[in-house]
Amino acid sequence: MDKAPKPVRISHRGAATRSALLDAAAHVFRTVGFARAGVSEVVEHAGASVGSLYHHFTGKADLYTALYEEFQQRQQERTHRAVTRARSQGETDPTRLMYIAARAYLDGAIDERDTTVLFFSGDGPPGFESKLRDRLREWTDRNVALFRKAEEPVDEALLMVVSGAMLVAVHEVVRRGDADARRLA
């Protein structure tokens, strides 16, 4: 009989160290890029030890991935709130709901421009582009489910094109000034 894994407890101090390492990694990656960043720069900026970094993360790529996962979680929460708000106001059209979710995602990309650029610049760890493609597929699958739930016809190929266009839109809005980016979004 397999035992269920025990929940991992992180002390307040451990959580603070992890948070400081993530904040430092974000700063260092934004400043010099992922490829040029070193673990020593991250721990120095965090005021932590190399050992503490390896206690919480497997290395530089793991830090980058953790930052991305946190960013995506915030983006998912933004889009969920926007769609929930629209539904509570009576919106049921899946095309409109998809647009509302996309707009919320783009607004989040603008609000967190420096973080967004970090992940969409192409300067990430090996295999990161594959993670981005996986997220795009997940988003496409959610959009397909949205249309099926509404019992609307689904053109999966079109939804893939629209979902792929989001990557281009993200690249565009983060390169523009705030007012122009919000107008475009």
N, C-alpha and C. Protein backbone atom coordinates (compact mmCIF):
# COMPACT_ATOMS: atom_id res chain seq x y z
N MET A 1 0.84 -1.18 0.00
CA MET A 1 0.00 0.00 0.00
C MET A 1 0.89 1.25 0.00
N ASP A 2 0.66 2.16 -0.95
CA ASP A 2 1.44 3.38 -1.03
C ASP A 2 0.95 4.37 0.01
N LYS A 3 1.91 5.02 0.63
CA LYS A 3 1.56 6.06 1.58
C LYS A 3 1.39 7.37 0.84
N ALA A 4 0.42 8.14 1.27
CA ALA A 4 0.23 9.47 0.68
C ALA A 4 1.40 10.34 1.10
N PRO A 5 1.89 11.17 0.18
CA PRO A 5 3.01 12.03 0.56
C PRO A 5 2.59 13.01 1.64
N LYS A 6 3.51 13.23 2.57
CA LYS A 6 3.24 14.19 3.63
C LYS A 6 3.29 15.60 3.06
N PRO A 7 2.40 16.46 3.51
CA PRO A 7 2.47 17.84 3.04
C PRO A 7 3.78 18.47 3.51
N VAL A 8 4.38 19.23 2.62
CA VAL A 8 5.64 19.89 2.95
C VAL A 8 5.34 21.14 3.75
N ARG A 9 5.98 21.25 4.89
CA ARG A 9 5.82 22.44 5.72
C ARG A 9 7.01 23.36 5.46
N ILE A 10 6.70 24.60 5.26
CA ILE A 10 7.76 25.59 5.10
C ILE A 10 7.60 26.60 6.22
N SER A 11 8.68 26.79 6.95
CA SER A 11 8.64 27.75 8.05
C SER A 11 8.48 29.16 7.48
N HIS A 12 8.11 30.07 8.35
CA HIS A 12 8.00 31.47 7.92
C HIS A 12 9.34 31.96 7.38
N ARG A 13 10.41 31.56 8.06
CA ARG A 13 11.74 31.96 7.62
C ARG A 13 12.06 31.34 6.26
N GLY A 14 11.70 30.07 6.09
CA GLY A 14 11.93 29.40 4.81
C GLY A 14 11.14 30.04 3.69
N ALA A 15 9.90 30.40 3.98
CA ALA A 15 9.06 31.06 2.98
C ALA A 15 9.62 32.43 2.63
N ALA A 16 10.13 33.13 3.64
CA ALA A 16 10.73 34.45 3.39
C ALA A 16 11.98 34.32 2.53
N THR A 17 12.79 33.30 2.81
CA THR A 17 14.00 33.08 2.01
C THR A 17 13.64 32.74 0.58
N ARG A 18 12.66 31.86 0.42
CA ARG A 18 12.22 31.48 -0.93
C ARG A 18 11.73 32.71 -1.70
N SER A 19 10.93 33.52 -1.03
CA SER A 19 10.40 34.73 -1.65
C SER A 19 11.52 35.70 -2.02
N ALA A 20 12.50 35.86 -1.12
CA ALA A 20 13.63 36.75 -1.40
C ALA A 20 14.44 36.24 -2.59
N LEU A 21 14.60 34.94 -2.69
CA LEU A 21 15.33 34.36 -3.82
C LEU A 21 14.58 34.59 -5.13
N LEU A 22 13.27 34.43 -5.10
CA LEU A 22 12.48 34.67 -6.31
C LEU A 22 12.52 36.14 -6.71
N ASP A 23 12.38 37.03 -5.74
CA ASP A 23 12.46 38.47 -6.04
C ASP A 23 13.83 38.82 -6.62
N ALA A 24 14.87 38.27 -6.02
CA ALA A 24 16.23 38.55 -6.50
C ALA A 24 16.43 37.98 -7.90
N ALA A 25 15.95 36.77 -8.13
CA ALA A 25 16.09 36.16 -9.45
C ALA A 25 15.37 37.00 -10.50
N ALA A 26 14.17 37.47 -10.17
CA ALA A 26 13.43 38.31 -11.12
C ALA A 26 14.23 39.56 -11.45
N HIS A 27 14.80 40.18 -10.43
CA HIS A 27 15.60 41.40 -10.65
C HIS A 27 16.82 41.10 -11.52
N VAL A 28 17.55 40.06 -11.18
CA VAL A 28 18.78 39.72 -11.92
C VAL A 28 18.44 39.30 -13.35
N PHE A 29 17.43 38.47 -13.54
CA PHE A 29 17.05 38.03 -14.89
C PHE A 29 16.62 39.22 -15.74
N ARG A 30 15.87 40.15 -15.14
CA ARG A 30 15.44 41.34 -15.89
C ARG A 30 16.62 42.23 -16.25
N THR A 31 17.59 42.29 -15.36
CA THR A 31 18.73 43.19 -15.55
C THR A 31 19.73 42.66 -16.57
N VAL A 32 20.13 41.40 -16.44
CA VAL A 32 21.19 40.87 -17.32
C VAL A 32 20.70 39.76 -18.25
N GLY A 33 19.46 39.32 -18.07
CA GLY A 33 18.94 38.21 -18.88
C GLY A 33 19.21 36.89 -18.20
N PHE A 34 18.45 35.89 -18.59
CA PHE A 34 18.60 34.57 -17.98
C PHE A 34 19.97 33.98 -18.30
N ALA A 35 20.36 34.02 -19.57
CA ALA A 35 21.60 33.36 -19.99
C ALA A 35 22.83 33.93 -19.27
N ARG A 36 22.86 35.22 -19.04
CA ARG A 36 24.03 35.86 -18.42
C ARG A 36 23.97 35.87 -16.90
N ALA A 37 22.81 35.57 -16.35
CA ALA A 37 22.65 35.59 -14.88
C ALA A 37 23.37 34.41 -14.25
N GLY A 38 23.88 34.65 -13.06
CA GLY A 38 24.52 33.58 -12.31
C GLY A 38 23.83 33.38 -10.97
N VAL A 39 23.91 32.18 -10.47
CA VAL A 39 23.33 31.86 -9.17
C VAL A 39 23.95 32.75 -8.09
N SER A 40 25.25 33.03 -8.22
CA SER A 40 25.92 33.86 -7.20
C SER A 40 25.33 35.26 -7.16
N GLU A 41 24.96 35.81 -8.31
CA GLU A 41 24.32 37.14 -8.34
C GLU A 41 22.97 37.11 -7.64
N VAL A 42 22.22 36.04 -7.88
CA VAL A 42 20.89 35.92 -7.28
C VAL A 42 21.00 35.85 -5.76
N VAL A 43 21.87 34.97 -5.26
CA VAL A 43 21.95 34.82 -3.80
C VAL A 43 22.52 36.09 -3.15
N GLU A 44 23.45 36.75 -3.83
CA GLU A 44 23.98 38.00 -3.28
C GLU A 44 22.88 39.05 -3.17
N HIS A 45 22.09 39.18 -4.23
CA HIS A 45 21.00 40.16 -4.24
C HIS A 45 19.94 39.81 -3.19
N ALA A 46 19.74 38.51 -2.96
CA ALA A 46 18.73 38.06 -1.98
C ALA A 46 19.25 38.12 -0.55
N GLY A 47 20.56 38.24 -0.39
CA GLY A 47 21.13 38.18 0.96
C GLY A 47 21.01 36.78 1.53
N ALA A 48 21.15 35.80 0.66
CA ALA A 48 20.99 34.40 1.06
C ALA A 48 22.27 33.63 0.70
N SER A 49 22.29 32.37 1.03
CA SER A 49 23.44 31.53 0.71
C SER A 49 23.11 30.65 -0.49
N VAL A 50 24.16 30.18 -1.13
CA VAL A 50 23.98 29.26 -2.26
C VAL A 50 23.25 28.00 -1.77
N GLY A 51 23.59 27.56 -0.57
CA GLY A 51 22.93 26.39 -0.01
C GLY A 51 21.43 26.58 0.15
N SER A 52 21.02 27.79 0.56
CA SER A 52 19.58 28.04 0.72
C SER A 52 18.89 28.04 -0.64
N LEU A 53 19.58 28.53 -1.66
CA LEU A 53 18.98 28.49 -3.00
C LEU A 53 18.72 27.04 -3.41
N TYR A 54 19.74 26.18 -3.20
CA TYR A 54 19.59 24.78 -3.59
C TYR A 54 18.68 24.00 -2.65
N HIS A 55 18.39 24.55 -1.50
CA HIS A 55 17.40 23.93 -0.62
C HIS A 55 15.99 24.13 -1.19
N HIS A 56 15.76 25.29 -1.80
CA HIS A 56 14.44 25.63 -2.32
C HIS A 56 14.27 25.34 -3.81
N PHE A 57 15.36 25.38 -4.57
CA PHE A 57 15.30 25.23 -6.02
C PHE A 57 16.43 24.33 -6.49
N THR A 58 16.25 23.73 -7.66
CA THR A 58 17.30 22.87 -8.19
C THR A 58 18.37 23.66 -8.93
N GLY A 59 18.12 24.92 -9.19
CA GLY A 59 19.10 25.75 -9.88
C GLY A 59 18.44 26.94 -10.54
N LYS A 60 19.19 27.56 -11.43
CA LYS A 60 18.75 28.78 -12.10
C LYS A 60 17.49 28.54 -12.94
N ALA A 61 17.45 27.44 -13.67
CA ALA A 61 16.28 27.14 -14.51
C ALA A 61 15.03 26.94 -13.65
N ASP A 62 15.19 26.31 -12.51
CA ASP A 62 14.06 26.09 -11.60
C ASP A 62 13.53 27.42 -11.05
N LEU A 63 14.43 28.35 -10.75
CA LEU A 63 14.02 29.69 -10.33
C LEU A 63 13.18 30.36 -11.41
N TYR A 64 13.66 30.28 -12.64
CA TYR A 64 12.98 30.89 -13.78
C TYR A 64 11.58 30.28 -13.94
N THR A 65 11.52 28.96 -13.87
CA THR A 65 10.24 28.27 -14.01
C THR A 65 9.29 28.63 -12.88
N ALA A 66 9.79 28.74 -11.67
CA ALA A 66 8.94 29.12 -10.53
C ALA A 66 8.39 30.53 -10.73
N LEU A 67 9.23 31.45 -11.22
CA LEU A 67 8.77 32.81 -11.51
C LEU A 67 7.67 32.78 -12.57
N TYR A 68 7.87 31.97 -13.60
CA TYR A 68 6.88 31.86 -14.67
C TYR A 68 5.56 31.29 -14.13
N GLU A 69 5.65 30.26 -13.32
CA GLU A 69 4.43 29.65 -12.77
C GLU A 69 3.67 30.65 -11.90
N GLU A 70 4.38 31.45 -11.12
CA GLU A 70 3.71 32.48 -10.31
C GLU A 70 3.05 33.53 -11.20
N PHE A 71 3.75 33.94 -12.25
CA PHE A 71 3.19 34.91 -13.20
C PHE A 71 1.94 34.34 -13.86
N GLN A 72 2.02 33.10 -14.31
CA GLN A 72 0.87 32.48 -14.96
C GLN A 72 -0.30 32.33 -14.00
N GLN A 73 -0.02 32.05 -12.73
CA GLN A 73 -1.08 31.95 -11.73
C GLN A 73 -1.80 33.30 -11.59
N ARG A 74 -1.01 34.38 -11.54
CA ARG A 74 -1.63 35.71 -11.44
C ARG A 74 -2.45 36.00 -12.70
N GLN A 75 -1.94 35.63 -13.85
CA GLN A 75 -2.66 35.85 -15.10
C GLN A 75 -3.95 35.04 -15.13
N GLN A 76 -3.87 33.81 -14.68
CA GLN A 76 -5.06 32.95 -14.65
C GLN A 76 -6.11 33.53 -13.70
N GLU A 77 -5.68 34.05 -12.56
CA GLU A 77 -6.61 34.66 -11.62
C GLU A 77 -7.26 35.90 -12.23
N ARG A 78 -6.48 36.71 -12.97
CA ARG A 78 -7.04 37.90 -13.63
C ARG A 78 -8.11 37.50 -14.64
N THR A 79 -7.80 36.52 -15.47
CA THR A 79 -8.76 36.14 -16.51
C THR A 79 -9.99 35.50 -15.89
N HIS A 80 -9.79 34.70 -14.85
CA HIS A 80 -10.93 34.07 -14.18
C HIS A 80 -11.85 35.12 -13.57
N ARG A 81 -11.26 36.12 -12.89
CA ARG A 81 -12.08 37.19 -12.30
C ARG A 81 -12.86 37.93 -13.39
N ALA A 82 -12.21 38.22 -14.50
CA ALA A 82 -12.88 38.96 -15.58
C ALA A 82 -14.04 38.16 -16.16
N VAL A 83 -13.83 36.88 -16.40
CA VAL A 83 -14.89 36.04 -16.97
C VAL A 83 -16.01 35.85 -15.95
N THR A 84 -15.66 35.63 -14.69
CA THR A 84 -16.68 35.47 -13.64
C THR A 84 -17.53 36.73 -13.52
N ARG A 85 -16.87 37.89 -13.55
CA ARG A 85 -17.60 39.16 -13.49
C ARG A 85 -18.54 39.30 -14.69
N ALA A 86 -18.06 38.97 -15.88
CA ALA A 86 -18.90 39.07 -17.08
C ALA A 86 -20.09 38.11 -17.00
N ARG A 87 -19.85 36.90 -16.54
CA ARG A 87 -20.95 35.93 -16.40
C ARG A 87 -21.97 36.41 -15.38
N SER A 88 -21.49 37.01 -14.28
CA SER A 88 -22.42 37.50 -13.25
C SER A 88 -23.27 38.65 -13.78
N GLN A 89 -22.80 39.31 -14.83
CA GLN A 89 -23.55 40.40 -15.46
C GLN A 89 -24.38 39.89 -16.64
N GLY A 90 -24.44 38.55 -16.78
CA GLY A 90 -25.33 37.96 -17.78
C GLY A 90 -24.68 37.56 -19.10
N GLU A 91 -23.38 37.73 -19.24
CA GLU A 91 -22.72 37.37 -20.51
C GLU A 91 -22.63 35.85 -20.63
N THR A 92 -23.11 35.32 -21.75
CA THR A 92 -23.04 33.88 -21.99
C THR A 92 -22.39 33.54 -23.33
N ASP A 93 -22.21 34.52 -24.19
CA ASP A 93 -21.63 34.28 -25.51
C ASP A 93 -20.16 33.86 -25.36
N PRO A 94 -19.81 32.63 -25.80
CA PRO A 94 -18.44 32.16 -25.61
C PRO A 94 -17.39 33.01 -26.34
N THR A 95 -17.76 33.58 -27.47
CA THR A 95 -16.81 34.44 -28.18
C THR A 95 -16.51 35.68 -27.35
N ARG A 96 -17.55 36.28 -26.77
CA ARG A 96 -17.35 37.46 -25.91
C ARG A 96 -16.54 37.08 -24.66
N LEU A 97 -16.84 35.93 -24.07
CA LEU A 97 -16.12 35.50 -22.88
C LEU A 97 -14.64 35.26 -23.19
N MET A 98 -14.36 34.68 -24.35
CA MET A 98 -12.97 34.46 -24.76
C MET A 98 -12.27 35.80 -24.96
N TYR A 99 -12.96 36.75 -25.57
CA TYR A 99 -12.41 38.09 -25.76
C TYR A 99 -12.12 38.75 -24.41
N ILE A 100 -13.05 38.63 -23.48
CA ILE A 100 -12.88 39.23 -22.14
C ILE A 100 -11.67 38.62 -21.44
N ALA A 101 -11.52 37.30 -21.55
CA ALA A 101 -10.36 36.63 -20.94
C ALA A 101 -9.07 37.09 -21.60
N ALA A 102 -9.07 37.20 -22.92
CA ALA A 102 -7.87 37.65 -23.64
C ALA A 102 -7.51 39.08 -23.24
N ARG A 103 -8.51 39.92 -23.13
CA ARG A 103 -8.27 41.31 -22.74
C ARG A 103 -7.68 41.38 -21.33
N ALA A 104 -8.20 40.58 -20.42
CA ALA A 104 -7.67 40.56 -19.05
C ALA A 104 -6.22 40.07 -19.05
N TYR A 105 -5.92 39.07 -19.87
CA TYR A 105 -4.55 38.57 -19.96
C TYR A 105 -3.61 39.66 -20.48
N LEU A 106 -4.04 40.35 -21.54
CA LEU A 106 -3.21 41.42 -22.11
C LEU A 106 -3.04 42.57 -21.12
N ASP A 107 -4.10 42.93 -20.41
CA ASP A 107 -3.98 43.97 -19.39
C ASP A 107 -2.96 43.57 -18.32
N GLY A 108 -2.99 42.30 -17.92
CA GLY A 108 -2.01 41.80 -16.95
C GLY A 108 -0.60 41.84 -17.50
N ALA A 109 -0.46 41.52 -18.79
CA ALA A 109 0.86 41.58 -19.43
C ALA A 109 1.39 43.01 -19.42
N ILE A 110 0.51 43.97 -19.63
CA ILE A 110 0.91 45.38 -19.60
C ILE A 110 1.25 45.80 -18.17
N ASP A 111 0.39 45.42 -17.21
CA ASP A 111 0.63 45.77 -15.81
C ASP A 111 1.96 45.21 -15.30
N GLU A 112 2.31 44.03 -15.79
CA GLU A 112 3.56 43.38 -15.37
C GLU A 112 4.53 43.30 -16.56
N ARG A 113 4.66 44.40 -17.26
CA ARG A 113 5.45 44.44 -18.49
C ARG A 113 6.84 43.84 -18.33
N ASP A 114 7.58 44.24 -17.30
CA ASP A 114 8.95 43.73 -17.13
C ASP A 114 8.98 42.22 -16.95
N THR A 115 8.02 41.71 -16.21
CA THR A 115 7.94 40.26 -16.01
C THR A 115 7.54 39.57 -17.30
N THR A 116 6.58 40.13 -18.02
CA THR A 116 6.13 39.54 -19.27
C THR A 116 7.27 39.46 -20.27
N VAL A 117 8.02 40.55 -20.41
CA VAL A 117 9.15 40.57 -21.34
C VAL A 117 10.14 39.46 -20.99
N LEU A 118 10.36 39.26 -19.71
CA LEU A 118 11.28 38.23 -19.25
C LEU A 118 10.92 36.86 -19.85
N PHE A 119 9.63 36.54 -19.87
CA PHE A 119 9.22 35.21 -20.31
C PHE A 119 8.97 35.10 -21.81
N PHE A 120 8.77 36.21 -22.48
CA PHE A 120 8.47 36.17 -23.90
C PHE A 120 9.62 36.71 -24.75
N SER A 121 10.81 36.81 -24.16
CA SER A 121 11.97 37.35 -24.88
C SER A 121 12.76 36.28 -25.62
N GLY A 122 12.54 35.02 -25.29
CA GLY A 122 13.32 33.95 -25.90
C GLY A 122 14.59 33.63 -25.12
N ASP A 123 14.85 34.38 -24.04
CA ASP A 123 16.05 34.17 -23.23
C ASP A 123 15.67 33.42 -21.96
N GLY A 124 15.34 32.16 -22.13
CA GLY A 124 14.97 31.33 -20.99
C GLY A 124 15.78 30.05 -20.99
N PRO A 125 15.53 29.20 -20.04
CA PRO A 125 16.27 27.94 -19.97
C PRO A 125 15.89 27.01 -21.12
N PRO A 126 16.74 26.03 -21.41
CA PRO A 126 16.41 25.05 -22.45
C PRO A 126 15.06 24.40 -22.16
N GLY A 127 14.25 24.28 -23.18
CA GLY A 127 12.94 23.64 -23.05
C GLY A 127 11.82 24.59 -22.65
N PHE A 128 12.15 25.85 -22.37
CA PHE A 128 11.11 26.77 -21.92
C PHE A 128 10.10 27.07 -23.02
N GLU A 129 10.56 27.15 -24.26
CA GLU A 129 9.63 27.40 -25.38
C GLU A 129 8.57 26.30 -25.44
N SER A 130 8.96 25.09 -25.10
CA SER A 130 8.01 23.98 -25.07
C SER A 130 6.95 24.21 -24.00
N LYS A 131 7.36 24.76 -22.86
CA LYS A 131 6.41 25.08 -21.78
C LYS A 131 5.41 26.13 -22.25
N LEU A 132 5.90 27.14 -22.99
CA LEU A 132 5.00 28.16 -23.53
C LEU A 132 3.99 27.54 -24.50
N ARG A 133 4.47 26.65 -25.35
CA ARG A 133 3.55 25.98 -26.29
C ARG A 133 2.52 25.14 -25.54
N ASP A 134 2.95 24.46 -24.48
CA ASP A 134 2.01 23.68 -23.67
C ASP A 134 0.93 24.57 -23.07
N ARG A 135 1.31 25.74 -22.56
CA ARG A 135 0.33 26.67 -22.00
C ARG A 135 -0.64 27.15 -23.07
N LEU A 136 -0.12 27.39 -24.26
CA LEU A 136 -0.97 27.82 -25.37
C LEU A 136 -1.99 26.73 -25.71
N ARG A 137 -1.55 25.48 -25.71
CA ARG A 137 -2.47 24.37 -25.96
C ARG A 137 -3.53 24.29 -24.86
N GLU A 138 -3.11 24.49 -23.61
CA GLU A 138 -4.07 24.47 -22.50
C GLU A 138 -5.11 25.57 -22.67
N TRP A 139 -4.66 26.76 -23.07
CA TRP A 139 -5.59 27.87 -23.26
C TRP A 139 -6.55 27.56 -24.40
N THR A 140 -6.03 26.98 -25.48
CA THR A 140 -6.89 26.59 -26.60
C THR A 140 -7.91 25.57 -26.14
N ASP A 141 -7.47 24.58 -25.36
CA ASP A 141 -8.39 23.55 -24.85
C ASP A 141 -9.49 24.17 -23.98
N ARG A 142 -9.12 25.16 -23.15
CA ARG A 142 -10.14 25.83 -22.32
C ARG A 142 -11.14 26.58 -23.20
N ASN A 143 -10.65 27.20 -24.26
CA ASN A 143 -11.56 27.91 -25.16
C ASN A 143 -12.49 26.95 -25.89
N VAL A 144 -11.96 25.81 -26.32
CA VAL A 144 -12.80 24.80 -26.96
C VAL A 144 -13.89 24.34 -25.98
N ALA A 145 -13.50 24.10 -24.73
CA ALA A 145 -14.47 23.67 -23.70
C ALA A 145 -15.52 24.75 -23.47
N LEU A 146 -15.12 26.01 -23.51
CA LEU A 146 -16.05 27.13 -23.33
C LEU A 146 -17.14 27.09 -24.41
N PHE A 147 -16.73 26.85 -25.65
CA PHE A 147 -17.70 26.79 -26.74
C PHE A 147 -18.59 25.56 -26.63
N ARG A 148 -18.00 24.43 -26.26
CA ARG A 148 -18.80 23.21 -26.12
C ARG A 148 -19.81 23.34 -24.99
N LYS A 149 -19.40 23.96 -23.90
CA LYS A 149 -20.31 24.15 -22.76
C LYS A 149 -21.51 25.00 -23.18
N ALA A 150 -21.27 25.96 -24.06
CA ALA A 150 -22.35 26.82 -24.54
C ALA A 150 -23.12 26.17 -25.69
N GLU A 151 -22.73 24.94 -26.02
CA GLU A 151 -23.35 24.20 -27.11
C GLU A 151 -23.30 24.98 -28.42
N GLU A 152 -22.15 25.64 -28.62
CA GLU A 152 -21.89 26.38 -29.85
C GLU A 152 -21.00 25.53 -30.75
N PRO A 153 -21.09 25.74 -32.07
CA PRO A 153 -20.17 25.02 -32.96
C PRO A 153 -18.72 25.42 -32.64
N VAL A 154 -17.82 24.45 -32.72
CA VAL A 154 -16.42 24.69 -32.38
C VAL A 154 -15.56 24.47 -33.61
N ASP A 155 -14.82 25.48 -34.00
CA ASP A 155 -13.83 25.36 -35.06
C ASP A 155 -12.47 25.36 -34.35
N GLU A 156 -11.98 24.15 -34.03
CA GLU A 156 -10.75 24.06 -33.23
C GLU A 156 -9.57 24.69 -33.94
N ALA A 157 -9.50 24.56 -35.26
CA ALA A 157 -8.38 25.16 -36.00
C ALA A 157 -8.40 26.68 -35.85
N LEU A 158 -9.59 27.27 -35.94
CA LEU A 158 -9.70 28.72 -35.77
C LEU A 158 -9.30 29.13 -34.35
N LEU A 159 -9.74 28.36 -33.37
CA LEU A 159 -9.38 28.68 -31.98
C LEU A 159 -7.87 28.57 -31.77
N MET A 160 -7.20 27.63 -32.45
CA MET A 160 -5.74 27.54 -32.36
C MET A 160 -5.08 28.78 -32.94
N VAL A 161 -5.61 29.25 -34.07
CA VAL A 161 -5.06 30.46 -34.69
C VAL A 161 -5.25 31.66 -33.77
N VAL A 162 -6.45 31.80 -33.22
CA VAL A 162 -6.74 32.91 -32.31
C VAL A 162 -5.84 32.82 -31.08
N SER A 163 -5.69 31.63 -30.53
CA SER A 163 -4.84 31.45 -29.35
C SER A 163 -3.39 31.78 -29.68
N GLY A 164 -2.93 31.35 -30.84
CA GLY A 164 -1.56 31.66 -31.27
C GLY A 164 -1.36 33.15 -31.47
N ALA A 165 -2.39 33.82 -31.94
CA ALA A 165 -2.30 35.27 -32.13
C ALA A 165 -2.11 35.99 -30.80
N MET A 166 -2.53 35.37 -29.71
CA MET A 166 -2.31 35.97 -28.39
C MET A 166 -0.82 36.16 -28.11
N LEU A 167 0.01 35.22 -28.55
CA LEU A 167 1.45 35.37 -28.34
C LEU A 167 1.97 36.62 -29.04
N VAL A 168 1.50 36.83 -30.27
CA VAL A 168 1.90 38.02 -31.02
C VAL A 168 1.39 39.27 -30.31
N ALA A 169 0.15 39.21 -29.84
CA ALA A 169 -0.44 40.36 -29.15
C ALA A 169 0.34 40.68 -27.88
N VAL A 170 0.73 39.67 -27.13
CA VAL A 170 1.52 39.89 -25.91
C VAL A 170 2.84 40.58 -26.27
N HIS A 171 3.52 40.06 -27.29
CA HIS A 171 4.79 40.68 -27.73
C HIS A 171 4.58 42.14 -28.09
N GLU A 172 3.49 42.44 -28.77
CA GLU A 172 3.23 43.82 -29.21
C GLU A 172 2.92 44.76 -28.04
N VAL A 173 2.02 44.33 -27.15
CA VAL A 173 1.61 45.26 -26.09
C VAL A 173 2.74 45.57 -25.12
N VAL A 174 3.66 44.63 -24.91
CA VAL A 174 4.73 44.92 -23.96
C VAL A 174 5.83 45.79 -24.57
N ARG A 175 5.83 45.94 -25.89
CA ARG A 175 6.83 46.79 -26.55
C ARG A 175 6.37 48.23 -26.69
N ARG A 176 5.10 48.49 -26.44
CA ARG A 176 4.54 49.82 -26.66
C ARG A 176 4.40 50.59 -25.35
N GLY A 177 4.22 51.89 -25.49
CA GLY A 177 3.93 52.73 -24.33
C GLY A 177 2.59 52.33 -23.74
N ASP A 178 2.36 52.70 -22.50
CA ASP A 178 1.16 52.27 -21.78
C ASP A 178 -0.15 52.60 -22.51
N ALA A 179 -0.33 53.85 -22.90
CA ALA A 179 -1.59 54.25 -23.54
C ALA A 179 -1.80 53.50 -24.85
N ASP A 180 -0.75 53.41 -25.66
CA ASP A 180 -0.85 52.71 -26.94
C ASP A 180 -1.10 51.22 -26.73
N ALA A 181 -0.43 50.64 -25.73
CA ALA A 181 -0.61 49.22 -25.43
C ALA A 181 -2.04 48.93 -24.99
N ARG A 182 -2.59 49.78 -24.13
CA ARG A 182 -3.97 49.55 -23.64
C ARG A 182 -4.98 49.74 -24.77
N ARG A 183 -4.71 50.67 -25.67
CA ARG A 183 -5.60 50.86 -26.81
C ARG A 183 -5.57 49.62 -27.70
N LEU A 184 -4.39 49.07 -27.91
CA LEU A 184 -4.24 47.87 -28.73
C LEU A 184 -4.87 46.65 -28.07
N ALA A 185 -4.71 46.54 -26.75
CA ALA A 185 -5.23 45.38 -26.02
C ALA A 185 -6.74 45.36 -26.11
